[in-house]
N, C-alpha and C. Protein backbone atom coordinates (compact mmCIF):
# COMPACT_ATOMS: atom_id res chain seq x y z
N MET A 1 54.91 244.62 10.32
CA MET A 1 54.70 246.04 10.12
C MET A 1 54.39 246.68 11.47
N LYS A 2 55.25 247.58 11.90
CA LYS A 2 55.06 248.24 13.19
C LYS A 2 54.26 249.52 12.96
N LYS A 3 53.13 249.61 13.66
CA LYS A 3 52.30 250.80 13.52
C LYS A 3 52.42 251.66 14.76
N GLY A 4 52.46 252.96 14.55
CA GLY A 4 52.49 253.92 15.64
C GLY A 4 51.09 254.10 16.19
N TRP A 5 50.96 254.88 17.22
CA TRP A 5 49.67 255.12 17.86
C TRP A 5 48.68 255.77 16.91
N TRP A 6 49.15 256.40 15.83
CA TRP A 6 48.26 257.08 14.90
C TRP A 6 47.79 256.15 13.79
N GLY A 7 48.20 254.86 13.83
CA GLY A 7 47.72 253.88 12.87
C GLY A 7 48.51 253.79 11.58
N MET A 8 49.58 254.53 11.46
CA MET A 8 50.40 254.48 10.24
C MET A 8 51.58 253.55 10.45
N ASP A 9 52.04 252.94 9.38
CA ASP A 9 53.25 252.13 9.42
C ASP A 9 54.42 253.10 9.61
N ILE A 10 55.03 253.08 10.80
CA ILE A 10 56.07 254.07 11.09
C ILE A 10 57.33 253.90 10.25
N ASN A 11 57.46 252.75 9.59
CA ASN A 11 58.60 252.55 8.70
C ASN A 11 58.38 253.17 7.32
N LYS A 12 57.16 253.61 7.05
CA LYS A 12 56.84 254.18 5.74
C LYS A 12 56.53 255.67 5.80
N ILE A 13 56.77 256.30 6.93
CA ILE A 13 56.53 257.73 7.03
C ILE A 13 57.57 258.44 6.17
N LYS A 14 57.09 259.31 5.30
CA LYS A 14 57.99 260.03 4.39
C LYS A 14 58.54 261.26 5.11
N CYS A 15 59.84 261.29 5.26
CA CYS A 15 60.49 262.44 5.89
C CYS A 15 61.45 263.06 4.88
N GLU A 16 61.66 264.35 5.00
CA GLU A 16 62.59 265.04 4.10
C GLU A 16 63.25 266.18 4.85
N GLN A 17 64.42 266.55 4.37
CA GLN A 17 65.13 267.65 4.99
C GLN A 17 64.66 268.96 4.37
N LEU A 18 64.32 269.91 5.21
CA LEU A 18 63.86 271.21 4.76
C LEU A 18 65.06 272.10 4.49
N PRO A 19 64.86 273.18 3.72
CA PRO A 19 65.98 274.10 3.46
C PRO A 19 66.65 274.61 4.74
N SER A 20 65.88 274.68 5.84
CA SER A 20 66.43 275.15 7.11
C SER A 20 67.33 274.11 7.77
N GLY A 21 67.32 272.87 7.24
CA GLY A 21 68.09 271.79 7.85
C GLY A 21 67.24 270.90 8.74
N GLU A 22 66.06 271.38 9.12
CA GLU A 22 65.11 270.61 9.93
C GLU A 22 64.62 269.42 9.10
N ILE A 23 64.44 268.28 9.74
CA ILE A 23 63.85 267.13 9.06
C ILE A 23 62.37 267.10 9.40
N GLY A 24 61.53 267.06 8.38
CA GLY A 24 60.09 267.05 8.57
C GLY A 24 59.50 265.76 8.03
N CYS A 25 58.42 265.30 8.65
CA CYS A 25 57.77 264.05 8.23
C CYS A 25 56.30 264.33 7.92
N TRP A 26 55.81 263.67 6.89
CA TRP A 26 54.40 263.78 6.52
C TRP A 26 53.62 262.69 7.23
N ILE A 27 52.57 263.08 7.95
CA ILE A 27 51.71 262.10 8.60
C ILE A 27 50.27 262.36 8.17
N LYS A 28 49.46 261.33 8.25
CA LYS A 28 48.04 261.48 7.95
C LYS A 28 47.35 261.97 9.21
N VAL A 29 46.50 262.96 9.06
CA VAL A 29 45.74 263.49 10.18
C VAL A 29 44.29 263.61 9.73
N TYR A 30 43.39 263.03 10.51
CA TYR A 30 41.97 263.16 10.19
C TYR A 30 41.50 264.53 10.66
N VAL A 31 40.92 265.25 9.74
CA VAL A 31 40.34 266.55 10.06
C VAL A 31 38.97 266.58 9.40
N PRO A 32 37.93 266.91 10.13
CA PRO A 32 36.61 266.98 9.50
C PRO A 32 36.63 267.91 8.28
N LYS A 33 35.98 267.48 7.21
CA LYS A 33 35.98 268.26 5.97
C LYS A 33 35.43 269.66 6.22
N ARG A 34 34.46 269.78 7.09
CA ARG A 34 33.88 271.10 7.36
C ARG A 34 34.92 272.07 7.90
N TRP A 35 35.92 271.55 8.64
CA TRP A 35 36.99 272.41 9.13
C TRP A 35 37.84 272.92 7.97
N ILE A 36 38.20 271.99 7.07
CA ILE A 36 39.00 272.37 5.91
C ILE A 36 38.21 273.36 5.05
N ASP A 37 36.91 273.08 4.84
CA ASP A 37 36.07 274.00 4.06
C ASP A 37 36.06 275.39 4.69
N PHE A 38 35.92 275.43 6.01
CA PHE A 38 35.94 276.72 6.70
C PHE A 38 37.27 277.44 6.49
N ILE A 39 38.38 276.72 6.71
CA ILE A 39 39.70 277.35 6.57
C ILE A 39 39.90 277.85 5.14
N GLU A 40 39.46 277.06 4.15
CA GLU A 40 39.59 277.50 2.76
C GLU A 40 38.78 278.76 2.49
N GLU A 41 37.54 278.78 2.97
CA GLU A 41 36.71 279.97 2.75
C GLU A 41 37.27 281.17 3.51
N TYR A 42 37.78 280.93 4.72
CA TYR A 42 38.40 282.01 5.47
C TYR A 42 39.62 282.54 4.73
N ALA A 43 40.41 281.64 4.13
CA ALA A 43 41.57 282.06 3.35
C ALA A 43 41.13 282.94 2.18
N ASP A 44 40.02 282.58 1.52
CA ASP A 44 39.47 283.43 0.46
C ASP A 44 39.10 284.80 1.03
N TYR A 45 38.43 284.77 2.16
CA TYR A 45 37.95 286.00 2.81
C TYR A 45 39.10 286.96 3.11
N ILE A 46 40.25 286.42 3.53
CA ILE A 46 41.38 287.30 3.85
C ILE A 46 42.27 287.57 2.65
N GLY A 47 41.81 287.14 1.45
CA GLY A 47 42.50 287.52 0.23
C GLY A 47 43.42 286.50 -0.41
N MET A 48 43.43 285.29 0.11
CA MET A 48 44.29 284.26 -0.49
C MET A 48 43.51 283.55 -1.59
N LYS A 49 43.90 283.77 -2.83
CA LYS A 49 43.19 283.15 -3.96
C LYS A 49 44.00 282.02 -4.59
N ASN A 50 45.30 282.06 -4.46
CA ASN A 50 46.19 281.07 -5.05
C ASN A 50 46.07 279.74 -4.29
N PRO A 51 45.80 278.61 -4.99
CA PRO A 51 45.67 277.31 -4.30
C PRO A 51 46.91 276.92 -3.49
N LYS A 52 48.11 277.22 -3.99
CA LYS A 52 49.34 276.88 -3.24
C LYS A 52 49.42 277.69 -1.96
N GLU A 53 49.02 278.95 -2.04
CA GLU A 53 49.01 279.83 -0.87
C GLU A 53 48.03 279.29 0.18
N LYS A 54 46.86 278.84 -0.28
CA LYS A 54 45.86 278.27 0.64
C LYS A 54 46.38 276.99 1.30
N GLU A 55 47.01 276.13 0.49
CA GLU A 55 47.55 274.88 1.02
C GLU A 55 48.58 275.17 2.11
N LYS A 56 49.46 276.12 1.85
CA LYS A 56 50.48 276.50 2.83
C LYS A 56 49.81 277.03 4.10
N TYR A 57 48.78 277.85 3.94
CA TYR A 57 48.07 278.42 5.08
C TYR A 57 47.46 277.32 5.94
N ILE A 58 46.82 276.33 5.30
CA ILE A 58 46.21 275.21 6.03
C ILE A 58 47.27 274.41 6.77
N LEU A 59 48.40 274.12 6.11
CA LEU A 59 49.48 273.37 6.76
C LEU A 59 50.02 274.12 7.97
N ILE A 60 50.17 275.43 7.83
CA ILE A 60 50.68 276.24 8.95
C ILE A 60 49.71 276.18 10.12
N GLU A 61 48.41 276.29 9.85
CA GLU A 61 47.42 276.25 10.93
C GLU A 61 47.41 274.90 11.63
N LEU A 62 47.49 273.81 10.86
CA LEU A 62 47.51 272.47 11.47
C LEU A 62 48.78 272.27 12.29
N GLN A 63 49.90 272.74 11.76
CA GLN A 63 51.16 272.62 12.48
C GLN A 63 51.13 273.41 13.79
N SER A 64 50.49 274.57 13.76
CA SER A 64 50.38 275.39 14.96
C SER A 64 49.64 274.67 16.07
N SER A 65 48.64 273.89 15.71
CA SER A 65 47.88 273.14 16.71
C SER A 65 48.76 272.10 17.41
N ILE A 66 49.60 271.43 16.64
CA ILE A 66 50.51 270.44 17.23
C ILE A 66 51.52 271.14 18.14
N ARG A 67 52.05 272.28 17.69
CA ARG A 67 52.99 273.03 18.52
C ARG A 67 52.32 273.49 19.82
N ASP A 68 51.06 273.93 19.74
CA ASP A 68 50.33 274.35 20.94
C ASP A 68 50.21 273.20 21.93
N PHE A 69 49.96 272.00 21.42
CA PHE A 69 49.87 270.82 22.28
C PHE A 69 51.20 270.58 22.99
N ILE A 70 52.30 270.59 22.23
CA ILE A 70 53.63 270.35 22.81
C ILE A 70 53.93 271.42 23.86
N PHE A 71 53.65 272.68 23.54
CA PHE A 71 53.89 273.77 24.48
C PHE A 71 53.10 273.56 25.77
N ALA A 72 51.81 273.22 25.65
CA ALA A 72 50.96 273.06 26.83
C ALA A 72 51.43 271.91 27.72
N VAL A 73 51.78 270.80 27.10
CA VAL A 73 52.24 269.64 27.87
C VAL A 73 53.52 269.98 28.63
N LEU A 74 54.48 270.56 27.92
CA LEU A 74 55.76 270.87 28.57
C LEU A 74 55.62 271.99 29.59
N ASP A 75 54.71 272.93 29.35
CA ASP A 75 54.47 274.00 30.31
C ASP A 75 53.90 273.43 31.61
N SER A 76 52.97 272.47 31.49
CA SER A 76 52.39 271.88 32.71
C SER A 76 53.42 271.05 33.47
N MET A 77 54.40 270.52 32.76
CA MET A 77 55.44 269.71 33.42
C MET A 77 56.42 270.55 34.22
N LYS A 78 56.41 271.88 34.03
CA LYS A 78 57.29 272.75 34.82
C LYS A 78 57.08 272.52 36.30
N SER A 79 55.82 272.32 36.70
CA SER A 79 55.54 272.14 38.13
C SER A 79 55.39 270.67 38.52
N THR A 80 55.03 269.80 37.59
CA THR A 80 54.79 268.40 37.95
C THR A 80 56.05 267.54 37.86
N ASP A 81 56.88 267.78 36.85
CA ASP A 81 58.08 266.96 36.68
C ASP A 81 59.12 267.73 35.87
N PRO A 82 59.73 268.76 36.48
CA PRO A 82 60.66 269.61 35.73
C PRO A 82 61.86 268.86 35.15
N GLN A 83 62.32 267.82 35.82
CA GLN A 83 63.46 267.07 35.29
C GLN A 83 63.10 266.34 34.01
N LYS A 84 61.94 265.70 34.00
CA LYS A 84 61.51 264.99 32.79
C LYS A 84 61.22 266.00 31.67
N ARG A 85 60.68 267.16 32.03
CA ARG A 85 60.44 268.22 31.04
C ARG A 85 61.76 268.62 30.39
N ASP A 86 62.77 268.88 31.20
CA ASP A 86 64.08 269.27 30.67
C ASP A 86 64.67 268.17 29.80
N TYR A 87 64.46 266.92 30.21
CA TYR A 87 64.92 265.77 29.43
C TYR A 87 64.29 265.79 28.03
N PHE A 88 62.96 265.96 27.99
CA PHE A 88 62.26 265.99 26.69
C PHE A 88 62.75 267.15 25.82
N VAL A 89 62.90 268.32 26.42
CA VAL A 89 63.35 269.50 25.67
C VAL A 89 64.72 269.25 25.06
N GLU A 90 65.63 268.70 25.86
CA GLU A 90 66.99 268.42 25.36
C GLU A 90 66.99 267.30 24.32
N LYS A 91 66.34 266.19 24.64
CA LYS A 91 66.37 265.03 23.75
C LYS A 91 65.79 265.34 22.37
N TYR A 92 64.70 266.10 22.34
CA TYR A 92 64.01 266.36 21.07
C TYR A 92 64.26 267.77 20.52
N GLY A 93 65.17 268.51 21.13
CA GLY A 93 65.52 269.84 20.62
C GLY A 93 64.33 270.79 20.55
N LEU A 94 63.57 270.86 21.62
CA LEU A 94 62.33 271.65 21.63
C LEU A 94 62.51 273.06 22.19
N HIS A 95 63.74 273.54 22.25
CA HIS A 95 64.01 274.85 22.85
C HIS A 95 63.17 275.96 22.20
N GLU A 96 63.14 276.01 20.88
CA GLU A 96 62.38 277.05 20.17
C GLU A 96 60.88 276.83 20.35
N ASP A 97 60.45 275.59 20.39
CA ASP A 97 59.03 275.27 20.42
C ASP A 97 58.37 275.55 21.77
N ILE A 98 59.16 275.72 22.82
CA ILE A 98 58.57 275.99 24.13
C ILE A 98 58.49 277.48 24.44
N LYS A 99 58.95 278.30 23.50
CA LYS A 99 58.83 279.75 23.68
C LYS A 99 57.42 280.16 23.27
N ILE A 100 56.73 280.86 24.14
CA ILE A 100 55.36 281.27 23.83
C ILE A 100 55.33 282.21 22.63
N SER A 101 56.42 282.91 22.40
CA SER A 101 56.47 283.87 21.30
C SER A 101 56.96 283.25 19.99
N SER A 102 57.24 281.95 19.99
CA SER A 102 57.78 281.31 18.80
C SER A 102 56.76 281.32 17.66
N ASP A 103 57.22 281.73 16.49
CA ASP A 103 56.36 281.66 15.32
C ASP A 103 57.07 280.93 14.18
N LYS A 104 58.03 280.10 14.58
CA LYS A 104 58.80 279.34 13.59
C LYS A 104 57.87 278.38 12.86
N ILE A 105 58.04 278.30 11.55
CA ILE A 105 57.22 277.44 10.71
C ILE A 105 58.12 276.44 10.02
N TYR A 106 57.72 275.19 10.01
CA TYR A 106 58.48 274.13 9.36
C TYR A 106 57.68 273.64 8.16
N LEU A 107 58.07 274.04 6.96
CA LEU A 107 57.37 273.60 5.76
C LEU A 107 58.38 273.19 4.69
N PRO A 108 57.98 272.23 3.85
CA PRO A 108 58.86 271.85 2.74
C PRO A 108 58.91 272.97 1.70
N LYS A 109 59.78 272.81 0.71
CA LYS A 109 59.92 273.82 -0.34
C LYS A 109 58.60 274.15 -0.99
């Protein structure tokens, strides 16, 4: 069983094609419960009462954090290793994800 750096069996990661054609994978992420509790209460505060709506909101916020990480890493590579940066962008199709104005969301149905 080959495990990735996140401790999951990488052969058992569930991936699915989204309506947009993007392939998305579900991974386990440890998040302190107090963070989830805060996000849920904040969602109530801004008017989200539907549980599905809240779940979508939480997924979007978590996904945004990962996108911010990718953006920051690739942005710093502009000056340290632009060729490797371009390689990563091309290889993994990160053109949209490196735009600071990108608000693209990848969610299942």
